[in-house]
Amino acid sequence: MGAGTYERKEFVGGAPATTVSGSITDVQTTLTLASDTGWPTASTYPFVAVIDRGLASEEKILVAGRAGTALSSITRGYDDTLGQAHSSGAAIEHVIDASTIDQANRLANEASAKGEILASNGTNVVAVTAAAMDSSEDDYALVIDAAVGSGVKFARPLHVTDSAGTPAVAGVPRVWFDQNTGLVRTSDGTDWKIPATCPVFANTTARDAFYGATPVQDGNMCIVGTGTAATLQVWDGSAWAYQGVPRFADSATRDLYYTSPVTGDLAFLIDTHQLTEYREDEWILLNYKVSTATVAPASPHEGDIWLQPSS
């Protein structure tokens, strides 16, 4: 593994130099030490050794396994050296390597700008830059973001302002409690949004799916329907009370709105000019004109009733 790559290694202080027992080839991945006293164990992390230090045959090796004097899982020609054949009795020492020194040096110098921090990208340590911060505003927070290489980034946290005056709209996200209106408003970075004061539902089934059959909060308010069929409805603790009578093109449209009508529901049918009320199990006609006369009324309307006396 070359310089600049982050890899944990095992180091011990004062490991005595020893010799190789038996000759080894330039590609052999096992060797035997004359003595293993004080040497790293390689039980968790590998360690580095040098054979024939200072000679033309000098070679560093990375050792990943040791059982007594037997070294195994050896990477040959490590730390920018070449794999070499070595004779029995060749000197071998436990040493530090350039890769480890570079790793520490790189870590110490990775952050180079004010506000940067260090994080792992899963392989190496990288700097998390603060360059994207708006210099006119402090109080950025470090947040987790799996979409970026380092796994973390600087971001402006949710900022809440309780004010009668209009705060600056720039930046995201922002929440403003508008003391003038009592509304909680949000900014998308361009405009302060005025929230809808109550939800809108296509019909009573959608309303009940949202609030439940029995809303837990008295005073819940909503609009049911659209256009002429829309009504403002308020839960009074036992039933939905509504203002105004919704108007429908015909009875079929009414039934799409009142999916489960209850006694007292009202509807005006535009096609027949009828005001109807639901009672127990059917829609009842409410508005009709009764005329009593010996002569038929002029210009009758649909649904009018004429009572003609017999004499």
Protein backbone atom coordinates (compact mmCIF):
# COMPACT_ATOMS: atom_id res chain seq x y z
CA MET A 1 0.00 0.00 0.00
CA GLY A 2 1.58 3.25 -1.11
CA ALA A 3 2.20 6.56 0.59
CA GLY A 4 -0.84 8.77 1.00
CA THR A 5 -3.16 5.85 1.75
CA TYR A 6 -4.59 5.55 5.23
CA GLU A 7 -3.89 2.17 6.84
CA ARG A 8 -3.62 1.37 10.54
CA LYS A 9 -0.42 -0.49 11.52
CA GLU A 10 0.96 -1.97 14.72
CA PHE A 11 4.06 -0.48 16.33
CA VAL A 12 6.01 -1.47 19.42
CA GLY A 13 8.96 0.28 21.00
CA GLY A 14 12.32 -1.43 21.56
CA ALA A 15 11.77 -4.55 19.43
CA PRO A 16 15.29 -6.08 19.19
CA ALA A 17 16.83 -6.55 15.77
CA THR A 18 17.18 -10.19 14.83
CA THR A 19 18.00 -12.32 11.78
CA VAL A 20 16.19 -14.42 9.18
CA SER A 21 16.43 -18.17 9.75
CA GLY A 22 16.82 -19.79 6.35
CA SER A 23 17.10 -18.10 2.99
CA ILE A 24 14.02 -16.67 1.20
CA THR A 25 13.23 -15.90 -2.43
CA ASP A 26 12.16 -12.48 -3.72
CA VAL A 27 8.47 -13.51 -3.77
CA GLN A 28 8.18 -15.78 -0.76
CA THR A 29 5.38 -14.68 1.63
CA THR A 30 6.60 -16.49 4.75
CA LEU A 31 9.85 -16.41 6.73
CA THR A 32 11.18 -17.40 10.13
CA LEU A 33 12.85 -15.12 12.70
CA ALA A 34 15.76 -16.22 14.84
CA SER A 35 13.92 -14.58 17.77
CA ASP A 36 10.46 -12.97 18.16
CA THR A 37 11.05 -11.45 21.59
CA GLY A 38 9.37 -8.01 21.87
CA TRP A 39 8.12 -8.03 18.28
CA PRO A 40 4.63 -6.88 17.18
CA THR A 41 1.96 -9.60 17.20
CA ALA A 42 0.11 -8.67 13.95
CA SER A 43 -3.01 -9.94 15.71
CA THR A 44 -5.09 -6.91 14.69
CA TYR A 45 -2.99 -4.72 12.40
CA PRO A 46 0.04 -5.50 10.19
CA PHE A 47 3.54 -4.25 11.00
CA VAL A 48 6.54 -3.23 8.89
CA ALA A 49 10.04 -4.75 8.96
CA VAL A 50 13.21 -4.10 6.94
CA ILE A 51 15.65 -6.79 5.80
CA ASP A 52 19.29 -5.97 5.04
CA ARG A 53 19.03 -2.31 6.04
CA GLY A 54 21.66 -0.18 4.30
CA LEU A 55 22.65 -2.85 1.81
CA ALA A 56 21.90 -3.08 -1.90
CA SER A 57 19.42 -5.84 -1.06
CA GLU A 58 17.47 -3.70 1.42
CA GLU A 59 13.74 -4.48 1.34
CA LYS A 60 10.76 -3.50 3.48
CA ILE A 61 7.97 -5.98 4.07
CA LEU A 62 4.43 -5.65 5.46
CA VAL A 63 3.63 -8.55 7.81
CA ALA A 64 -0.02 -9.43 8.46
CA GLY A 65 0.46 -12.65 10.45
CA ARG A 66 2.83 -13.95 13.17
CA ALA A 67 2.78 -17.17 15.16
CA GLY A 68 5.87 -17.18 17.35
CA THR A 69 8.90 -16.76 15.10
CA ALA A 70 6.92 -17.66 11.94
CA LEU A 71 5.86 -14.62 9.89
CA SER A 72 3.15 -15.05 7.23
CA SER A 73 0.86 -13.12 4.88
CA ILE A 74 3.82 -10.93 3.92
CA THR A 75 3.60 -8.19 1.29
CA ARG A 76 6.98 -8.06 -0.45
CA GLY A 77 8.69 -4.94 -1.78
CA TYR A 78 6.66 -2.66 0.52
CA ASP A 79 7.12 1.08 1.00
CA ASP A 80 8.65 1.78 -2.45
CA THR A 81 11.26 -1.04 -2.19
CA LEU A 82 11.71 -4.10 -4.42
CA GLY A 83 11.27 -7.75 -3.53
CA GLN A 84 14.72 -9.31 -3.09
CA ALA A 85 16.16 -12.71 -2.25
CA HIS A 86 17.82 -12.86 1.18
CA SER A 87 20.28 -15.26 2.70
CA SER A 88 19.89 -17.07 5.98
CA GLY A 89 21.20 -14.82 8.74
CA ALA A 90 20.13 -11.60 6.98
CA ALA A 91 19.45 -8.82 9.50
CA ILE A 92 15.78 -7.90 10.04
CA GLU A 93 14.34 -5.04 12.12
CA HIS A 94 10.89 -3.71 13.02
CA VAL A 95 10.66 -0.14 11.60
CA ILE A 96 8.34 2.71 10.77
CA ASP A 97 7.55 3.33 7.09
CA ALA A 98 7.16 6.37 4.84
CA SER A 99 3.48 5.58 4.25
CA THR A 100 2.74 5.92 7.96
CA ILE A 101 4.76 9.14 8.25
CA ASP A 102 2.97 10.57 5.21
CA GLN A 103 -0.35 9.50 6.70
CA ALA A 104 0.32 11.49 9.88
CA ASN A 105 1.68 14.43 7.88
CA ARG A 106 -1.32 14.44 5.55
CA LEU A 107 -3.75 14.27 8.45
CA ALA A 108 -2.06 17.21 10.18
CA ASN A 109 -2.24 19.33 7.04
CA GLU A 110 -5.52 18.19 5.44
CA ALA A 111 -7.56 21.12 6.77
CA SER A 112 -6.26 24.35 5.27
CA ALA A 113 -9.09 26.87 5.57
CA LYS A 114 -10.91 28.48 8.47
CA GLY A 115 -13.89 26.41 9.58
CA GLU A 116 -12.84 23.17 7.87
CA ILE A 117 -13.03 19.91 9.77
CA LEU A 118 -11.83 16.39 9.01
CA ALA A 119 -14.04 13.37 8.27
CA SER A 120 -13.60 9.93 6.76
CA ASN A 121 -14.93 9.15 3.29
CA GLY A 122 -14.73 5.44 4.08
CA THR A 123 -11.14 5.11 2.83
CA ASN A 124 -9.21 8.27 3.68
CA VAL A 125 -9.58 11.32 5.87
CA VAL A 126 -10.82 14.33 3.90
CA ALA A 127 -11.48 17.97 4.70
CA VAL A 128 -15.09 19.10 4.93
CA THR A 129 -15.01 22.60 3.51
CA ALA A 130 -16.91 25.55 4.85
CA ALA A 131 -16.48 27.47 1.58
CA ALA A 132 -20.18 27.21 0.75
CA MET A 133 -21.14 29.21 3.82
CA ASP A 134 -22.68 32.63 3.40
CA SER A 135 -20.06 34.92 4.95
CA SER A 136 -22.79 37.34 6.03
CA GLU A 137 -24.29 34.81 8.43
CA ASP A 138 -22.77 32.56 11.07
CA ASP A 139 -24.32 29.66 13.00
CA TYR A 140 -23.97 26.92 10.39
CA ALA A 141 -24.29 23.37 11.72
CA LEU A 142 -22.58 20.13 10.72
CA VAL A 143 -25.16 17.65 9.42
CA ILE A 144 -25.03 14.09 8.09
CA ASP A 145 -25.55 13.78 4.33
CA ALA A 146 -24.92 10.38 2.71
CA ALA A 147 -24.99 12.00 -0.74
CA VAL A 148 -21.66 13.81 -0.24
CA GLY A 149 -18.30 12.05 -0.27
CA SER A 150 -17.35 12.81 3.32
CA GLY A 151 -20.78 11.85 4.68
CA VAL A 152 -21.15 15.23 6.41
CA LYS A 153 -21.57 18.83 5.33
CA PHE A 154 -22.15 22.30 6.72
CA ALA A 155 -25.76 23.51 6.46
CA ARG A 156 -27.83 26.33 7.87
CA PRO A 157 -30.14 24.91 10.55
CA LEU A 158 -33.81 25.81 10.80
CA HIS A 159 -34.03 29.42 11.89
CA VAL A 160 -37.15 30.62 13.72
CA THR A 161 -37.94 34.33 14.12
CA ASP A 162 -40.66 35.67 16.41
CA SER A 163 -41.17 39.21 15.20
CA ALA A 164 -43.66 41.88 14.19
CA GLY A 165 -41.26 43.13 11.54
CA THR A 166 -40.64 41.16 8.36
CA PRO A 167 -37.32 39.24 8.58
CA ALA A 168 -34.93 38.94 5.64
CA VAL A 169 -36.30 36.35 3.24
CA ALA A 170 -33.00 35.09 1.80
CA GLY A 171 -31.61 31.74 2.81
CA VAL A 172 -33.29 28.44 3.60
CA PRO A 173 -34.98 27.21 5.60
CA ARG A 174 -36.60 29.94 7.68
CA VAL A 175 -39.74 30.06 9.81
CA TRP A 176 -41.35 33.31 10.97
CA PHE A 177 -44.04 33.69 13.59
CA ASP A 178 -45.77 36.78 12.27
CA GLN A 179 -46.91 38.71 15.34
CA ASN A 180 -49.13 40.91 13.18
CA THR A 181 -51.35 38.05 12.03
CA GLY A 182 -50.58 35.22 14.46
CA LEU A 183 -49.54 33.03 11.50
CA VAL A 184 -46.47 30.83 11.17
CA ARG A 185 -44.92 31.63 7.78
CA THR A 186 -42.06 29.96 5.90
CA SER A 187 -39.51 31.21 3.40
CA ASP A 188 -38.38 29.31 0.31
CA GLY A 189 -35.44 31.68 -0.05
CA THR A 190 -37.41 34.07 -2.27
CA ASP A 191 -40.81 34.79 -0.67
CA TRP A 192 -42.53 34.50 2.67
CA LYS A 193 -45.36 32.03 2.23
CA ILE A 194 -48.82 32.69 3.68
CA PRO A 195 -50.12 29.34 4.95
CA ALA A 196 -53.54 27.98 4.04
CA THR A 197 -55.78 28.52 7.06
CA CYS A 198 -57.63 25.22 6.71
CA PRO A 199 -57.36 22.03 4.65
CA VAL A 200 -59.53 21.40 1.60
CA PHE A 201 -61.14 18.00 0.85
CA ALA A 202 -62.97 16.72 -2.21
CA ASN A 203 -65.70 15.07 -0.15
CA THR A 204 -66.70 13.94 3.32
CA THR A 205 -64.90 10.61 2.94
CA ALA A 206 -61.59 12.40 2.35
CA ARG A 207 -62.34 14.69 5.30
CA ASP A 208 -62.99 11.76 7.64
CA ALA A 209 -59.92 9.91 6.41
CA PHE A 210 -57.83 12.92 7.46
CA TYR A 211 -59.50 13.85 10.76
CA GLY A 212 -60.92 10.46 11.70
CA ALA A 213 -64.58 9.73 12.30
CA THR A 214 -64.42 11.72 15.55
CA PRO A 215 -61.82 14.52 15.50
CA VAL A 216 -59.90 14.80 18.76
CA GLN A 217 -59.85 18.60 18.71
CA ASP A 218 -62.97 20.76 18.95
CA GLY A 219 -62.86 23.66 16.51
CA ASN A 220 -61.15 21.80 13.69
CA MET A 221 -62.03 23.59 10.49
CA CYS A 222 -61.95 22.58 6.83
CA ILE A 223 -63.40 23.25 3.41
CA VAL A 224 -65.22 20.34 1.75
CA GLY A 225 -65.78 20.42 -2.01
CA THR A 226 -64.88 23.00 -4.64
CA GLY A 227 -66.67 25.73 -6.53
CA THR A 228 -70.39 26.12 -5.73
CA ALA A 229 -70.34 22.87 -3.75
CA ALA A 230 -67.72 24.09 -1.26
CA THR A 231 -68.73 24.54 2.37
CA LEU A 232 -66.82 25.72 5.40
CA GLN A 233 -67.18 23.08 8.11
CA VAL A 234 -66.33 23.20 11.81
CA TRP A 235 -66.26 20.27 14.25
CA ASP A 236 -68.30 21.33 17.29
CA GLY A 237 -67.36 18.35 19.45
CA SER A 238 -70.13 16.05 18.26
CA ALA A 239 -70.77 16.80 14.58
CA TRP A 240 -69.54 18.81 11.60
CA ALA A 241 -71.43 22.11 11.43
CA TYR A 242 -71.19 23.97 8.15
CA GLN A 243 -71.98 27.41 6.82
CA GLY A 244 -74.11 27.76 3.68
CA VAL A 245 -75.78 25.16 1.50
CA PRO A 246 -73.62 23.52 -1.16
CA ARG A 247 -74.95 23.63 -4.74
CA PHE A 248 -74.65 20.73 -7.18
CA ALA A 249 -75.37 20.36 -10.87
CA ASP A 250 -77.53 17.31 -10.20
CA SER A 251 -78.19 14.53 -7.70
CA ALA A 252 -75.32 12.41 -9.05
CA THR A 253 -72.85 15.19 -8.30
CA ARG A 254 -74.39 15.61 -4.87
CA ASP A 255 -73.90 11.91 -4.11
CA LEU A 256 -70.22 12.11 -5.07
CA TYR A 257 -69.86 14.84 -2.45
CA TYR A 258 -72.01 13.28 0.28
CA THR A 259 -70.54 9.79 0.20
CA SER A 260 -72.09 8.96 3.60
CA PRO A 261 -74.85 11.55 4.25
CA VAL A 262 -76.31 11.98 7.73
CA THR A 263 -79.59 13.48 8.88
CA GLY A 264 -79.51 17.25 8.49
CA ASP A 265 -77.17 17.42 5.48
CA LEU A 266 -78.42 19.96 2.90
CA ALA A 267 -77.97 20.18 -0.86
CA PHE A 268 -79.38 22.45 -3.59
CA LEU A 269 -79.77 20.81 -7.02
CA ILE A 270 -79.29 23.34 -9.79
CA ASP A 271 -80.87 21.26 -12.56
CA THR A 272 -84.22 20.95 -10.76
CA HIS A 273 -84.00 24.05 -8.51
CA GLN A 274 -84.59 21.82 -5.49
CA LEU A 275 -83.40 22.35 -1.94
CA THR A 276 -83.04 18.93 -0.33
CA GLU A 277 -82.31 17.63 3.15
CA TYR A 278 -81.17 14.17 4.15
CA ARG A 279 -83.42 12.54 6.76
CA GLU A 280 -82.52 9.12 8.15
CA ASP A 281 -82.29 7.23 4.85
CA GLU A 282 -83.30 9.49 1.95
CA TRP A 283 -83.12 12.97 0.47
CA ILE A 284 -86.31 15.01 1.11
CA LEU A 285 -87.50 17.98 -0.98
CA LEU A 286 -87.71 21.17 1.10
CA ASN A 287 -88.50 24.00 -1.28
CA TYR A 288 -91.76 23.88 -3.16
CA LYS A 289 -94.55 26.38 -3.91
CA VAL A 290 -98.17 25.51 -3.11
CA SER A 291 -100.86 27.53 -4.90
CA THR A 292 -104.60 27.33 -4.25
CA ALA A 293 -106.65 28.77 -7.11
CA THR A 294 -109.46 27.83 -9.46
CA VAL A 295 -107.26 28.89 -12.37
CA ALA A 296 -103.83 27.35 -12.97
CA PRO A 297 -100.97 29.65 -11.89
CA ALA A 298 -99.11 31.32 -14.73
CA SER A 299 -95.45 30.41 -15.39
CA PRO A 300 -95.16 27.53 -12.93
CA HIS A 301 -91.77 26.31 -11.80
CA GLU A 302 -90.64 22.72 -11.70
CA GLY A 303 -91.85 21.15 -8.46
CA ASP A 304 -94.66 23.68 -7.82
CA ILE A 305 -97.90 22.26 -6.43
CA TRP A 306 -101.33 23.61 -7.50
CA LEU A 307 -104.42 22.87 -5.41
CA GLN A 308 -107.63 23.61 -7.37
CA PRO A 309 -110.73 23.94 -5.18
CA SER A 310 -113.68 21.83 -6.29
CA SER A 311 -116.03 24.82 -6.13
